[in-house]
């Protein structure tokens, strides 16, 4: 091959890290995370069956979707790999709540983040709105995984 030849690669891949990583099903424990039906879930129950006539011990996972709270179940041979989502928790300071249902947040670097919707959880939503109306300084914990983000906790830092 000569140096004058150019290679063009057409790729739809992003430059970032993968949204999940593999882990052996037998190593996933209660309280850990797992991907079931393409949704990031927190494992609430794991039971392992004995090896049967055809060899594989099976793990039965009961998990709850971390974004919508739905209960999902999956049965996987314990020697097989399962996808485990990368789950990040980040804390931001609340700046403003817009009329169109989005929040304006302050990042640690001093930038603003305006692409996050108000939480669907009624309890968190009421806490957020009353705290903001009272002029409290609120820190919001945002959970992100597999390209989704959601506010999942609120902390009162003190008066503004």
N, C-alpha and C. Protein backbone atom coordinates (compact mmCIF):
# COMPACT_ATOMS: atom_id res chain seq x y z
N UNK A 1 0.85 -1.19 0.00
CA UNK A 1 0.00 0.00 0.00
C UNK A 1 0.88 1.23 0.00
N UNK A 2 0.53 2.18 -0.82
CA UNK A 2 1.33 3.40 -0.88
C UNK A 2 0.75 4.45 0.06
N UNK A 3 1.54 5.46 0.33
CA UNK A 3 1.12 6.52 1.24
C UNK A 3 0.08 7.44 0.61
N UNK A 4 -0.05 7.39 -0.72
CA UNK A 4 -0.98 8.30 -1.40
C UNK A 4 -2.43 7.86 -1.28
N UNK A 5 -2.65 6.59 -0.89
CA UNK A 5 -4.02 6.11 -0.74
C UNK A 5 -4.64 6.69 0.53
N UNK A 6 -5.87 7.15 0.40
CA UNK A 6 -6.57 7.66 1.57
C UNK A 6 -7.65 6.67 1.98
N UNK A 7 -7.83 6.54 3.26
CA UNK A 7 -8.86 5.65 3.77
C UNK A 7 -9.97 6.49 4.40
N UNK A 8 -11.19 6.19 4.02
CA UNK A 8 -12.33 6.89 4.61
C UNK A 8 -13.17 5.87 5.36
N UNK A 9 -13.36 6.13 6.63
CA UNK A 9 -14.17 5.24 7.44
C UNK A 9 -15.47 5.95 7.77
N UNK A 10 -16.57 5.30 7.43
CA UNK A 10 -17.86 5.87 7.80
C UNK A 10 -18.32 5.15 9.05
N UNK A 11 -18.41 5.91 10.11
CA UNK A 11 -18.77 5.31 11.38
C UNK A 11 -19.87 6.12 12.05
N UNK A 12 -20.82 5.44 12.60
CA UNK A 12 -21.90 6.11 13.32
C UNK A 12 -21.61 6.09 14.83
N UNK A 13 -20.45 5.57 15.22
CA UNK A 13 -20.11 5.45 16.63
C UNK A 13 -19.75 6.80 17.22
N UNK A 14 -20.08 6.98 18.50
CA UNK A 14 -19.66 8.21 19.16
C UNK A 14 -18.27 8.01 19.75
N UNK A 15 -17.65 9.11 20.14
CA UNK A 15 -16.28 9.04 20.63
C UNK A 15 -16.22 8.64 22.09
N UNK A 16 -17.35 8.65 22.76
CA UNK A 16 -17.37 8.42 24.19
C UNK A 16 -17.31 6.96 24.58
N UNK A 17 -17.35 6.75 25.87
CA UNK A 17 -17.31 5.40 26.41
C UNK A 17 -18.66 4.72 26.19
N UNK A 18 -18.65 3.42 26.34
CA UNK A 18 -19.87 2.64 26.20
C UNK A 18 -20.85 2.98 27.31
N UNK A 19 -22.14 2.80 27.04
CA UNK A 19 -23.16 3.08 28.05
C UNK A 19 -23.27 1.95 29.06
N UNK A 20 -22.74 0.77 28.70
CA UNK A 20 -22.80 -0.39 29.60
C UNK A 20 -21.46 -1.11 29.59
N UNK A 21 -21.29 -2.01 30.54
CA UNK A 21 -20.13 -2.89 30.54
C UNK A 21 -20.59 -4.30 30.92
N UNK A 22 -19.88 -5.32 30.44
CA UNK A 22 -20.31 -6.70 30.73
C UNK A 22 -19.89 -7.15 32.13
N UNK A 23 -20.73 -7.97 32.74
CA UNK A 23 -20.41 -8.57 34.04
C UNK A 23 -21.08 -9.93 34.09
N UNK A 24 -20.39 -10.89 34.67
CA UNK A 24 -20.95 -12.22 34.77
C UNK A 24 -22.21 -12.19 35.64
N UNK A 25 -23.28 -12.84 35.17
CA UNK A 25 -24.57 -12.80 35.86
C UNK A 25 -24.45 -13.26 37.31
N UNK A 26 -23.63 -14.25 37.57
CA UNK A 26 -23.47 -14.77 38.93
C UNK A 26 -22.81 -13.79 39.87
N UNK A 27 -22.15 -12.73 39.32
CA UNK A 27 -21.45 -11.75 40.15
C UNK A 27 -22.31 -10.53 40.48
N UNK A 28 -23.48 -10.43 39.87
CA UNK A 28 -24.36 -9.28 40.12
C UNK A 28 -25.16 -9.53 41.39
N UNK A 29 -25.12 -8.58 42.29
CA UNK A 29 -25.75 -8.72 43.60
C UNK A 29 -26.92 -7.77 43.78
N UNK A 30 -27.69 -7.99 44.84
CA UNK A 30 -28.78 -7.10 45.22
C UNK A 30 -28.19 -5.71 45.51
N UNK A 31 -28.84 -4.68 45.00
CA UNK A 31 -28.32 -3.32 45.18
C UNK A 31 -27.47 -2.86 44.01
N UNK A 32 -27.07 -3.81 43.16
CA UNK A 32 -26.28 -3.47 41.98
C UNK A 32 -27.19 -3.04 40.84
N UNK A 33 -26.60 -2.84 39.68
CA UNK A 33 -27.39 -2.42 38.51
C UNK A 33 -27.29 -3.45 37.40
N UNK A 34 -28.32 -3.50 36.55
CA UNK A 34 -28.36 -4.44 35.43
C UNK A 34 -29.24 -3.82 34.34
N UNK A 35 -28.99 -4.19 33.08
CA UNK A 35 -29.83 -3.74 31.98
C UNK A 35 -30.82 -4.86 31.65
N UNK A 36 -32.11 -4.55 31.78
CA UNK A 36 -33.16 -5.50 31.41
C UNK A 36 -34.06 -4.81 30.39
N UNK A 37 -34.27 -5.45 29.25
CA UNK A 37 -35.09 -4.89 28.17
C UNK A 37 -34.63 -3.48 27.79
N UNK A 38 -33.31 -3.31 27.68
CA UNK A 38 -32.69 -2.03 27.31
C UNK A 38 -32.97 -0.88 28.27
N UNK A 39 -33.26 -1.20 29.54
CA UNK A 39 -33.51 -0.17 30.55
C UNK A 39 -32.54 -0.37 31.70
N UNK A 40 -31.94 0.72 32.23
CA UNK A 40 -31.07 0.58 33.40
C UNK A 40 -31.93 0.34 34.65
N UNK A 41 -31.59 -0.71 35.39
CA UNK A 41 -32.39 -1.10 36.55
C UNK A 41 -31.52 -1.33 37.77
N UNK A 42 -32.11 -1.14 38.95
CA UNK A 42 -31.44 -1.46 40.21
C UNK A 42 -31.99 -2.80 40.68
N UNK A 43 -31.09 -3.72 40.98
CA UNK A 43 -31.48 -5.08 41.37
C UNK A 43 -32.03 -5.05 42.80
N UNK A 44 -33.25 -5.60 42.99
CA UNK A 44 -33.85 -5.66 44.32
C UNK A 44 -33.88 -7.09 44.87
N UNK A 45 -33.74 -8.07 43.97
CA UNK A 45 -33.77 -9.47 44.41
C UNK A 45 -33.02 -10.34 43.41
N UNK A 46 -32.19 -11.23 43.92
CA UNK A 46 -31.48 -12.19 43.06
C UNK A 46 -31.66 -13.57 43.67
N UNK A 47 -32.07 -14.53 42.84
CA UNK A 47 -32.10 -15.91 43.32
C UNK A 47 -31.41 -16.78 42.27
N UNK A 48 -30.64 -17.74 42.74
CA UNK A 48 -29.90 -18.61 41.83
C UNK A 48 -30.42 -20.03 41.96
N UNK A 49 -30.74 -20.63 40.81
CA UNK A 49 -31.21 -22.02 40.82
C UNK A 49 -30.00 -22.94 40.69
N UNK A 50 -30.18 -24.17 41.10
CA UNK A 50 -29.10 -25.16 41.00
C UNK A 50 -28.89 -25.56 39.54
N UNK A 51 -27.72 -26.11 39.27
CA UNK A 51 -27.47 -26.61 37.92
C UNK A 51 -28.42 -27.77 37.67
N UNK A 52 -28.99 -27.78 36.49
CA UNK A 52 -29.99 -28.80 36.16
C UNK A 52 -29.42 -29.87 35.26
N UNK A 53 -30.29 -30.58 34.62
CA UNK A 53 -29.94 -31.69 33.74
C UNK A 53 -29.06 -31.20 32.59
N UNK A 54 -29.31 -29.98 32.13
CA UNK A 54 -28.55 -29.47 30.99
C UNK A 54 -27.44 -28.50 31.39
N UNK A 55 -27.08 -28.49 32.66
CA UNK A 55 -25.83 -27.83 33.00
C UNK A 55 -25.80 -26.47 33.65
N UNK A 56 -26.54 -25.48 33.21
CA UNK A 56 -26.32 -24.13 33.71
C UNK A 56 -27.15 -23.80 34.94
N UNK A 57 -26.48 -23.17 35.93
CA UNK A 57 -27.22 -22.58 37.04
C UNK A 57 -27.80 -21.28 36.50
N UNK A 58 -29.01 -20.95 36.91
CA UNK A 58 -29.64 -19.74 36.38
C UNK A 58 -29.84 -18.71 37.49
N UNK A 59 -29.66 -17.43 37.12
CA UNK A 59 -29.90 -16.33 38.05
C UNK A 59 -31.22 -15.66 37.66
N UNK A 60 -32.08 -15.51 38.64
CA UNK A 60 -33.36 -14.83 38.41
C UNK A 60 -33.25 -13.44 39.04
N UNK A 61 -33.31 -12.41 38.20
CA UNK A 61 -33.18 -11.03 38.68
C UNK A 61 -34.55 -10.35 38.72
N UNK A 62 -34.84 -9.69 39.84
CA UNK A 62 -36.00 -8.80 39.93
C UNK A 62 -35.39 -7.43 40.14
N UNK A 63 -35.71 -6.49 39.25
CA UNK A 63 -35.09 -5.17 39.31
C UNK A 63 -36.12 -4.09 39.02
N UNK A 64 -35.80 -2.87 39.46
CA UNK A 64 -36.69 -1.73 39.25
C UNK A 64 -35.97 -0.71 38.38
N UNK A 65 -36.65 -0.29 37.30
CA UNK A 65 -36.11 0.72 36.39
C UNK A 65 -35.78 1.98 37.19
N UNK A 66 -34.55 2.49 37.04
CA UNK A 66 -34.13 3.63 37.87
C UNK A 66 -34.79 4.94 37.45
N UNK A 67 -35.39 4.99 36.26
CA UNK A 67 -36.02 6.23 35.81
C UNK A 67 -37.54 6.23 35.94
N UNK A 68 -38.20 5.12 35.62
CA UNK A 68 -39.67 5.15 35.68
C UNK A 68 -40.25 4.26 36.79
N UNK A 69 -39.42 3.55 37.54
CA UNK A 69 -39.88 2.77 38.69
C UNK A 69 -40.59 1.48 38.35
N UNK A 70 -40.61 1.06 37.08
CA UNK A 70 -41.29 -0.18 36.70
C UNK A 70 -40.46 -1.38 37.13
N UNK A 71 -41.16 -2.45 37.54
CA UNK A 71 -40.52 -3.68 37.97
C UNK A 71 -40.27 -4.57 36.74
N UNK A 72 -39.04 -5.02 36.56
CA UNK A 72 -38.69 -5.89 35.45
C UNK A 72 -38.01 -7.14 35.98
N UNK A 73 -38.16 -8.25 35.26
CA UNK A 73 -37.53 -9.51 35.66
C UNK A 73 -36.78 -10.12 34.50
N UNK A 74 -35.73 -10.88 34.82
CA UNK A 74 -34.95 -11.55 33.79
C UNK A 74 -34.32 -12.81 34.39
N UNK A 75 -34.19 -13.84 33.57
CA UNK A 75 -33.52 -15.07 33.99
C UNK A 75 -32.36 -15.30 33.03
N UNK A 76 -31.15 -15.40 33.60
CA UNK A 76 -29.93 -15.52 32.80
C UNK A 76 -29.07 -16.65 33.37
N UNK A 77 -28.44 -17.49 32.50
CA UNK A 77 -27.48 -18.48 33.02
C UNK A 77 -26.36 -17.75 33.77
N UNK A 78 -26.00 -18.25 34.96
CA UNK A 78 -25.05 -17.53 35.82
C UNK A 78 -23.66 -17.38 35.21
N UNK A 79 -23.32 -18.23 34.24
CA UNK A 79 -22.00 -18.12 33.62
C UNK A 79 -21.99 -17.12 32.46
N UNK A 80 -23.15 -16.67 32.02
CA UNK A 80 -23.23 -15.72 30.91
C UNK A 80 -23.02 -14.29 31.39
N UNK A 81 -22.63 -13.42 30.46
CA UNK A 81 -22.45 -12.02 30.79
C UNK A 81 -23.74 -11.24 30.62
N UNK A 82 -23.95 -10.29 31.53
CA UNK A 82 -25.08 -9.37 31.45
C UNK A 82 -24.52 -7.97 31.25
N UNK A 83 -25.33 -7.10 30.67
CA UNK A 83 -24.92 -5.71 30.57
C UNK A 83 -25.22 -5.01 31.88
N UNK A 84 -24.26 -4.21 32.35
CA UNK A 84 -24.43 -3.42 33.56
C UNK A 84 -24.27 -1.96 33.14
N UNK A 85 -25.25 -1.10 33.45
CA UNK A 85 -25.16 0.30 33.01
C UNK A 85 -24.17 1.11 33.85
N UNK A 86 -23.54 2.09 33.22
CA UNK A 86 -22.75 3.06 33.97
C UNK A 86 -23.75 4.05 34.54
N UNK A 87 -23.82 4.16 35.87
CA UNK A 87 -24.77 5.06 36.52
C UNK A 87 -23.98 6.14 37.25
N UNK A 88 -24.28 7.40 36.93
CA UNK A 88 -23.59 8.52 37.57
C UNK A 88 -24.57 9.36 38.35
N UNK A 89 -24.13 9.84 39.51
CA UNK A 89 -24.92 10.79 40.29
C UNK A 89 -24.12 12.08 40.34
N UNK A 90 -24.77 13.18 39.97
CA UNK A 90 -24.11 14.48 39.99
C UNK A 90 -25.00 15.45 40.75
N UNK A 91 -24.36 16.33 41.53
CA UNK A 91 -25.13 17.31 42.29
C UNK A 91 -25.00 18.68 41.62
N UNK A 92 -26.15 19.33 41.43
CA UNK A 92 -26.19 20.66 40.83
C UNK A 92 -26.96 21.59 41.75
N UNK A 93 -26.71 22.90 41.60
CA UNK A 93 -27.45 23.89 42.37
C UNK A 93 -28.58 24.43 41.50
N UNK A 94 -29.77 24.54 42.07
CA UNK A 94 -30.93 25.04 41.33
C UNK A 94 -30.85 26.55 41.18
N UNK A 95 -31.02 27.02 39.93
CA UNK A 95 -31.04 28.47 39.67
C UNK A 95 -32.47 28.93 39.45
N UNK A 96 -33.19 28.21 38.58
CA UNK A 96 -34.52 28.68 38.19
C UNK A 96 -35.39 27.51 37.71
N UNK A 97 -36.71 27.69 37.79
CA UNK A 97 -37.66 26.75 37.21
C UNK A 97 -38.42 27.52 36.13
N UNK A 98 -38.35 27.05 34.88
CA UNK A 98 -39.03 27.76 33.80
C UNK A 98 -40.48 27.30 33.68
N UNK A 99 -41.29 28.11 32.97
CA UNK A 99 -42.72 27.80 32.82
C UNK A 99 -42.94 26.56 31.95
N UNK A 100 -41.99 26.26 31.06
CA UNK A 100 -42.18 25.12 30.14
C UNK A 100 -41.76 23.77 30.75
N UNK A 101 -41.52 23.75 32.06
CA UNK A 101 -41.25 22.48 32.74
C UNK A 101 -39.80 22.06 32.78
N UNK A 102 -38.88 22.98 32.56
CA UNK A 102 -37.47 22.66 32.64
C UNK A 102 -36.85 23.40 33.82
N UNK A 103 -35.74 22.86 34.34
CA UNK A 103 -35.02 23.53 35.42
C UNK A 103 -33.70 24.06 34.89
N UNK A 104 -33.25 25.13 35.48
CA UNK A 104 -31.95 25.71 35.15
C UNK A 104 -31.03 25.43 36.32
N UNK A 105 -29.93 24.73 36.04
CA UNK A 105 -29.03 24.28 37.10
C UNK A 105 -27.62 24.86 36.92
N UNK A 106 -26.91 25.00 38.03
CA UNK A 106 -25.53 25.48 38.01
C UNK A 106 -24.60 24.30 38.24
N UNK A 107 -23.65 24.10 37.31
CA UNK A 107 -22.70 23.00 37.44
C UNK A 107 -21.53 23.43 38.32
N UNK A 108 -20.68 22.46 38.69
CA UNK A 108 -19.51 22.76 39.52
C UNK A 108 -18.55 23.71 38.81
N UNK A 109 -18.50 23.63 37.48
CA UNK A 109 -17.57 24.47 36.71
C UNK A 109 -18.11 25.89 36.51
N UNK A 110 -19.34 26.16 36.96
CA UNK A 110 -19.91 27.50 36.84
C UNK A 110 -20.78 27.70 35.62
N UNK A 111 -20.94 26.64 34.81
CA UNK A 111 -21.80 26.72 33.63
C UNK A 111 -23.25 26.43 34.04
N UNK A 112 -24.19 26.76 33.14
CA UNK A 112 -25.58 26.42 33.42
C UNK A 112 -25.99 25.22 32.59
N UNK A 113 -26.91 24.45 33.13
CA UNK A 113 -27.45 23.27 32.46
C UNK A 113 -28.95 23.46 32.41
N UNK A 114 -29.50 23.60 31.18
CA UNK A 114 -30.91 23.94 31.04
C UNK A 114 -31.73 22.88 30.33
N UNK A 115 -31.19 21.68 30.15
CA UNK A 115 -31.88 20.66 29.34
C UNK A 115 -32.57 19.59 30.18
N UNK A 116 -32.77 19.85 31.47
CA UNK A 116 -33.35 18.83 32.35
C UNK A 116 -34.79 19.17 32.70
N UNK A 117 -35.69 18.20 32.49
CA UNK A 117 -37.11 18.40 32.81
C UNK A 117 -37.34 18.28 34.31
N UNK A 118 -38.47 18.85 34.75
CA UNK A 118 -38.89 18.69 36.14
C UNK A 118 -39.14 17.21 36.42
N UNK A 119 -38.89 16.75 37.64
CA UNK A 119 -39.10 15.32 37.94
C UNK A 119 -40.58 14.93 37.86
N UNK A 120 -40.81 13.67 37.52
CA UNK A 120 -42.19 13.16 37.42
C UNK A 120 -42.70 12.71 38.79
N UNK A 121 -41.80 12.41 39.70
CA UNK A 121 -42.16 11.99 41.06
C UNK A 121 -42.83 13.16 41.78
N UNK A 122 -44.11 12.98 42.18
CA UNK A 122 -44.89 14.07 42.80
C UNK A 122 -44.23 14.60 44.07
N UNK A 123 -43.70 13.72 44.90
CA UNK A 123 -43.08 14.10 46.16
C UNK A 123 -41.90 15.03 45.92
N UNK A 124 -41.01 14.63 45.00
CA UNK A 124 -39.83 15.44 44.69
C UNK A 124 -40.24 16.75 44.03
N UNK A 125 -41.23 16.68 43.15
CA UNK A 125 -41.72 17.88 42.43
C UNK A 125 -42.27 18.92 43.41
N UNK A 126 -43.10 18.48 44.37
CA UNK A 126 -43.66 19.41 45.36
C UNK A 126 -42.58 20.01 46.25
N UNK A 127 -41.63 19.17 46.67
CA UNK A 127 -40.51 19.61 47.49
C UNK A 127 -39.70 20.68 46.74
N UNK A 128 -39.48 20.43 45.46
CA UNK A 128 -38.71 21.34 44.62
C UNK A 128 -39.42 22.69 44.46
N UNK A 129 -40.72 22.63 44.13
CA UNK A 129 -41.46 23.87 43.90
C UNK A 129 -41.64 24.70 45.18
N UNK A 130 -41.97 24.05 46.29
CA UNK A 130 -42.15 24.81 47.54
C UNK A 130 -40.83 25.37 48.04
N UNK A 131 -39.77 24.58 47.94
CA UNK A 131 -38.45 25.05 48.36
C UNK A 131 -37.99 26.23 47.53
N UNK A 132 -38.25 26.19 46.22
CA UNK A 132 -37.86 27.28 45.33
C UNK A 132 -38.69 28.53 45.61
N UNK A 133 -40.01 28.33 45.86
CA UNK A 133 -40.90 29.45 46.15
C UNK A 133 -40.51 30.15 47.46
N UNK A 134 -40.00 29.37 48.41
CA UNK A 134 -39.59 29.93 49.71
C UNK A 134 -38.21 30.58 49.63
N UNK A 135 -37.56 30.48 48.48
CA UNK A 135 -36.25 31.10 48.29
C UNK A 135 -35.11 30.31 48.90
N UNK A 136 -35.32 29.02 49.12
CA UNK A 136 -34.25 28.18 49.69
C UNK A 136 -33.19 27.89 48.63
N UNK A 137 -31.97 27.64 49.09
CA UNK A 137 -30.87 27.25 48.21
C UNK A 137 -30.92 25.73 48.11
N UNK A 138 -31.29 25.20 46.94
CA UNK A 138 -31.49 23.76 46.79
C UNK A 138 -30.39 23.12 45.95
N UNK A 139 -29.91 21.97 46.41
CA UNK A 139 -28.97 21.16 45.64
C UNK A 139 -29.74 19.95 45.12
N UNK A 140 -29.70 19.72 43.82
CA UNK A 140 -30.42 18.61 43.21
C UNK A 140 -29.46 17.51 42.82
N UNK A 141 -29.80 16.28 43.14
CA UNK A 141 -28.99 15.14 42.72
C UNK A 141 -29.61 14.59 41.44
N UNK A 142 -28.80 14.54 40.39
CA UNK A 142 -29.26 14.08 39.09
C UNK A 142 -28.60 12.74 38.78
N UNK A 143 -29.43 11.74 38.50
CA UNK A 143 -28.92 10.42 38.14
C UNK A 143 -28.91 10.32 36.62
N UNK A 144 -27.79 9.87 36.05
CA UNK A 144 -27.73 9.71 34.60
C UNK A 144 -27.18 8.34 34.25
N UNK A 145 -27.81 7.73 33.24
CA UNK A 145 -27.39 6.42 32.78
C UNK A 145 -27.96 6.17 31.39
N UNK A 146 -27.17 5.59 30.53
CA UNK A 146 -27.58 5.19 29.18
C UNK A 146 -28.25 6.33 28.41
N UNK A 147 -27.71 7.53 28.54
CA UNK A 147 -28.22 8.67 27.78
C UNK A 147 -29.45 9.34 28.36
N UNK A 148 -29.89 8.92 29.52
CA UNK A 148 -31.05 9.53 30.19
C UNK A 148 -30.60 10.20 31.47
N UNK A 149 -31.30 11.26 31.84
CA UNK A 149 -31.02 11.95 33.10
C UNK A 149 -32.33 12.26 33.81
N UNK A 150 -32.28 12.24 35.13
CA UNK A 150 -33.48 12.55 35.91
C UNK A 150 -33.09 13.04 37.29
N UNK A 151 -33.85 14.02 37.80
CA UNK A 151 -33.63 14.52 39.16
C UNK A 151 -34.21 13.46 40.10
N UNK A 152 -33.40 13.00 41.06
CA UNK A 152 -33.92 11.97 41.96
C UNK A 152 -33.80 12.30 43.44
N UNK A 153 -33.20 13.45 43.78
CA UNK A 153 -33.14 13.83 45.18
C UNK A 153 -32.92 15.34 45.31
N UNK A 154 -33.39 15.90 46.44
CA UNK A 154 -33.24 17.32 46.70
C UNK A 154 -32.67 17.50 48.10
N UNK A 155 -31.75 18.45 48.22
CA UNK A 155 -31.15 18.73 49.51
C UNK A 155 -31.22 20.25 49.74
N UNK A 156 -31.64 20.64 50.92
CA UNK A 156 -31.69 22.07 51.27
C UNK A 156 -30.33 22.47 51.78
N UNK A 157 -29.66 23.37 51.05
CA UNK A 157 -28.32 23.81 51.44
C UNK A 157 -28.38 24.97 52.42
N UNK A 158 -29.47 25.70 52.40
CA UNK A 158 -29.63 26.85 53.31
C UNK A 158 -30.30 27.99 52.59
N UNK A 159 -30.54 29.12 53.27
CA UNK A 159 -31.20 30.26 52.63
C UNK A 159 -30.28 30.92 51.61
N UNK A 160 -30.91 31.52 50.59
CA UNK A 160 -30.14 32.18 49.53
C UNK A 160 -29.54 33.47 50.00
